[in-house]
Amino acid sequence: MISGILIVLGLAVCSRIAAAFALVGSATGMLTGLAVGADGVAIYNGLWGFNSFDATLAIGGVFFVLSWRSGLLAVACGVLTALLFGAIASLFAPWGLPALTLPFCFGTLAFVLLKGASSALEPVAVEDITTPEEHLERKRSGGVGRAAVPA
């Protein structure tokens, strides 16, 4: 519990938006685990929230400029990532292998590949990735988004 608080506080020092998305992602993963009837001990230990924490943060403020649409997309990515965790953990269980961050990698990749699917989402070019606050500032000044990403 204390380690999680320290991680969120560390994120908040750098970016309040990132810390907020991390908390939303962790809650999303936990609630998804509860909704599918996952093992309560695994949910309590944070296994269902860990990958969603990372995926929601990545989609919500890192790979897309923050908007209400990217926020909804981030929550959807958190749900998908939690479901992927359940599937991958079940698949690996007979061999005693953990899922680790494989659900995060698959879930985030699936949603990053959506960057050209809608003009309502403004992707951030890989070389321009910083903090969500800087992405918003650059958007206001016209330096990030679809025009900055080569086709």
Protein backbone atom coordinates (compact mmCIF):
# COMPACT_ATOMS: atom_id res chain seq x y z
CA MET A 1 0.00 0.00 0.00
CA ILE A 2 2.75 2.45 0.95
CA SER A 3 4.71 1.62 -2.20
CA GLY A 4 1.66 2.43 -4.35
CA ILE A 5 1.17 5.75 -2.59
CA LEU A 6 4.83 6.61 -3.13
CA ILE A 7 4.59 5.76 -6.83
CA VAL A 8 1.52 7.97 -7.30
CA LEU A 9 3.15 10.79 -5.33
CA GLY A 10 6.25 10.49 -7.51
CA LEU A 11 4.08 10.69 -10.62
CA ALA A 12 2.24 13.69 -9.19
CA VAL A 13 5.53 15.54 -8.69
CA CYS A 14 6.17 15.24 -12.43
CA SER A 15 2.59 15.37 -13.72
CA ARG A 16 -0.71 15.69 -11.90
CA ILE A 17 -2.54 14.48 -15.02
CA ALA A 18 -0.40 11.34 -15.16
CA ALA A 19 -1.04 10.65 -11.47
CA ALA A 20 -4.79 11.07 -11.98
CA PHE A 21 -4.81 8.68 -14.94
CA ALA A 22 -2.75 6.19 -12.96
CA LEU A 23 -5.32 6.20 -10.16
CA VAL A 24 -8.20 5.92 -12.64
CA GLY A 25 -6.44 3.04 -14.38
CA SER A 26 -5.82 1.15 -11.16
CA ALA A 27 -9.46 1.57 -10.13
CA THR A 28 -10.59 0.51 -13.61
CA GLY A 29 -8.54 -2.67 -13.44
CA MET A 30 -9.78 -3.44 -9.93
CA LEU A 31 -13.42 -2.89 -10.87
CA THR A 32 -13.02 -4.99 -14.02
CA GLY A 33 -11.58 -7.81 -11.91
CA LEU A 34 -14.51 -7.56 -9.53
CA ALA A 35 -16.98 -7.51 -12.44
CA VAL A 36 -15.63 -10.74 -13.93
CA GLY A 37 -15.48 -12.48 -10.55
CA ALA A 38 -11.70 -12.68 -10.24
CA ASP A 39 -9.91 -13.97 -7.16
CA GLY A 40 -10.24 -11.38 -4.40
CA VAL A 41 -6.68 -11.94 -3.20
CA ALA A 42 -5.30 -11.16 -6.67
CA ILE A 43 -7.40 -8.00 -6.82
CA TYR A 44 -6.31 -6.97 -3.32
CA ASN A 45 -2.65 -7.56 -4.21
CA GLY A 46 -3.01 -5.19 -7.16
CA LEU A 47 -2.52 -7.73 -9.93
CA TRP A 48 -5.68 -6.64 -11.73
CA GLY A 49 -4.90 -2.93 -11.43
CA PHE A 50 -1.20 -2.91 -12.29
CA ASN A 51 -1.39 -3.25 -16.09
CA SER A 52 -4.47 -1.02 -16.29
CA PHE A 53 -2.60 1.60 -14.25
CA ASP A 54 0.13 1.69 -16.90
CA ALA A 55 -2.14 1.41 -19.95
CA THR A 56 -4.56 4.13 -18.88
CA LEU A 57 -1.68 6.47 -18.12
CA ALA A 58 -0.03 5.75 -21.49
CA ILE A 59 -3.16 6.31 -23.60
CA GLY A 60 -4.66 9.12 -21.51
CA GLY A 61 -1.76 11.51 -21.47
CA VAL A 62 1.33 10.15 -23.18
CA PHE A 63 0.47 8.86 -26.65
CA PHE A 64 -2.54 11.15 -27.20
CA VAL A 65 -3.11 14.80 -26.31
CA LEU A 66 -5.50 14.98 -23.37
CA SER A 67 -9.16 15.49 -24.26
CA TRP A 68 -12.38 13.95 -23.08
CA ARG A 69 -12.17 11.54 -26.02
CA SER A 70 -8.65 10.41 -25.16
CA GLY A 71 -9.76 10.07 -21.53
CA LEU A 72 -12.59 7.71 -22.53
CA LEU A 73 -10.21 5.83 -24.80
CA ALA A 74 -7.79 5.49 -21.87
CA VAL A 75 -10.48 4.00 -19.63
CA ALA A 76 -11.47 1.59 -22.40
CA CYS A 77 -7.82 0.60 -22.74
CA GLY A 78 -7.69 0.00 -18.98
CA VAL A 79 -10.69 -2.32 -19.19
CA LEU A 80 -9.25 -4.22 -22.16
CA THR A 81 -5.89 -4.52 -20.44
CA ALA A 82 -7.51 -5.92 -17.29
CA LEU A 83 -9.42 -8.46 -19.37
CA LEU A 84 -6.19 -9.38 -21.15
CA PHE A 85 -4.56 -9.84 -17.75
CA GLY A 86 -7.25 -12.31 -16.76
CA ALA A 87 -6.92 -14.22 -20.02
CA ILE A 88 -3.11 -14.30 -20.04
CA ALA A 89 -2.88 -15.17 -16.34
CA SER A 90 -5.30 -18.08 -16.89
CA LEU A 91 -3.38 -19.19 -19.96
CA PHE A 92 -0.01 -19.12 -18.16
CA ALA A 93 -1.26 -20.60 -14.84
CA PRO A 94 -0.74 -24.29 -15.75
CA TRP A 95 2.98 -23.60 -16.19
CA GLY A 96 3.24 -21.40 -13.11
CA LEU A 97 4.17 -18.37 -15.19
CA PRO A 98 3.05 -14.82 -14.31
CA ALA A 99 1.44 -12.51 -16.85
CA LEU A 100 3.83 -9.67 -15.92
CA THR A 101 3.38 -6.67 -18.28
CA LEU A 102 2.33 -8.61 -21.37
CA PRO A 103 -1.31 -7.38 -21.04
CA PHE A 104 -0.06 -3.78 -20.84
CA CYS A 105 2.05 -4.24 -23.97
CA PHE A 106 -0.77 -5.81 -26.00
CA GLY A 107 -3.48 -3.44 -24.75
CA THR A 108 -1.49 -0.26 -25.20
CA LEU A 109 -0.24 -1.32 -28.63
CA ALA A 110 -3.80 -2.04 -29.77
CA PHE A 111 -4.92 1.44 -28.75
CA VAL A 112 -1.85 3.25 -30.05
CA LEU A 113 -2.56 1.70 -33.45
CA LEU A 114 -5.88 3.60 -33.40
CA LYS A 115 -4.06 6.93 -33.77
CA GLY A 116 -5.06 7.38 -37.40
CA ALA A 117 -8.60 6.04 -37.00
CA SER A 118 -10.25 9.26 -35.88
CA SER A 119 -9.62 12.93 -36.51
CA ALA A 120 -11.01 13.63 -33.02
CA LEU A 121 -7.92 12.11 -31.38
CA GLU A 122 -4.63 13.98 -31.54
CA PRO A 123 -1.68 11.58 -31.37
CA VAL A 124 1.68 12.74 -30.07
CA ALA A 125 4.69 11.97 -32.23
CA VAL A 126 7.10 9.62 -30.49
CA GLU A 127 9.91 12.17 -30.56
CA ASP A 128 7.60 14.77 -28.94
CA ILE A 129 6.47 12.69 -25.95
CA THR A 130 6.99 14.49 -22.65
CA THR A 131 4.34 15.10 -19.97
CA PRO A 132 0.59 15.47 -20.52
CA GLU A 133 0.81 19.08 -19.33
CA GLU A 134 3.44 19.89 -21.96
CA HIS A 135 1.35 18.18 -24.64
CA LEU A 136 -1.59 20.42 -23.73
CA GLU A 137 0.62 23.50 -23.77
CA ARG A 138 2.01 22.60 -27.19
CA LYS A 139 -1.51 21.93 -28.47
CA ARG A 140 -2.51 25.44 -27.42
CA SER A 141 0.49 26.86 -29.25
CA GLY A 142 -0.12 24.64 -32.31
CA GLY A 143 2.98 22.42 -32.06
CA VAL A 144 1.63 18.93 -31.34
CA GLY A 145 -1.06 16.70 -32.74
CA ARG A 146 -1.99 15.41 -36.16
CA ALA A 147 0.08 18.01 -38.03
CA ALA A 148 3.19 17.04 -36.08
CA VAL A 149 2.78 13.31 -36.83
CA PRO A 150 3.95 12.17 -40.28
CA ALA A 151 1.46 10.01 -42.15
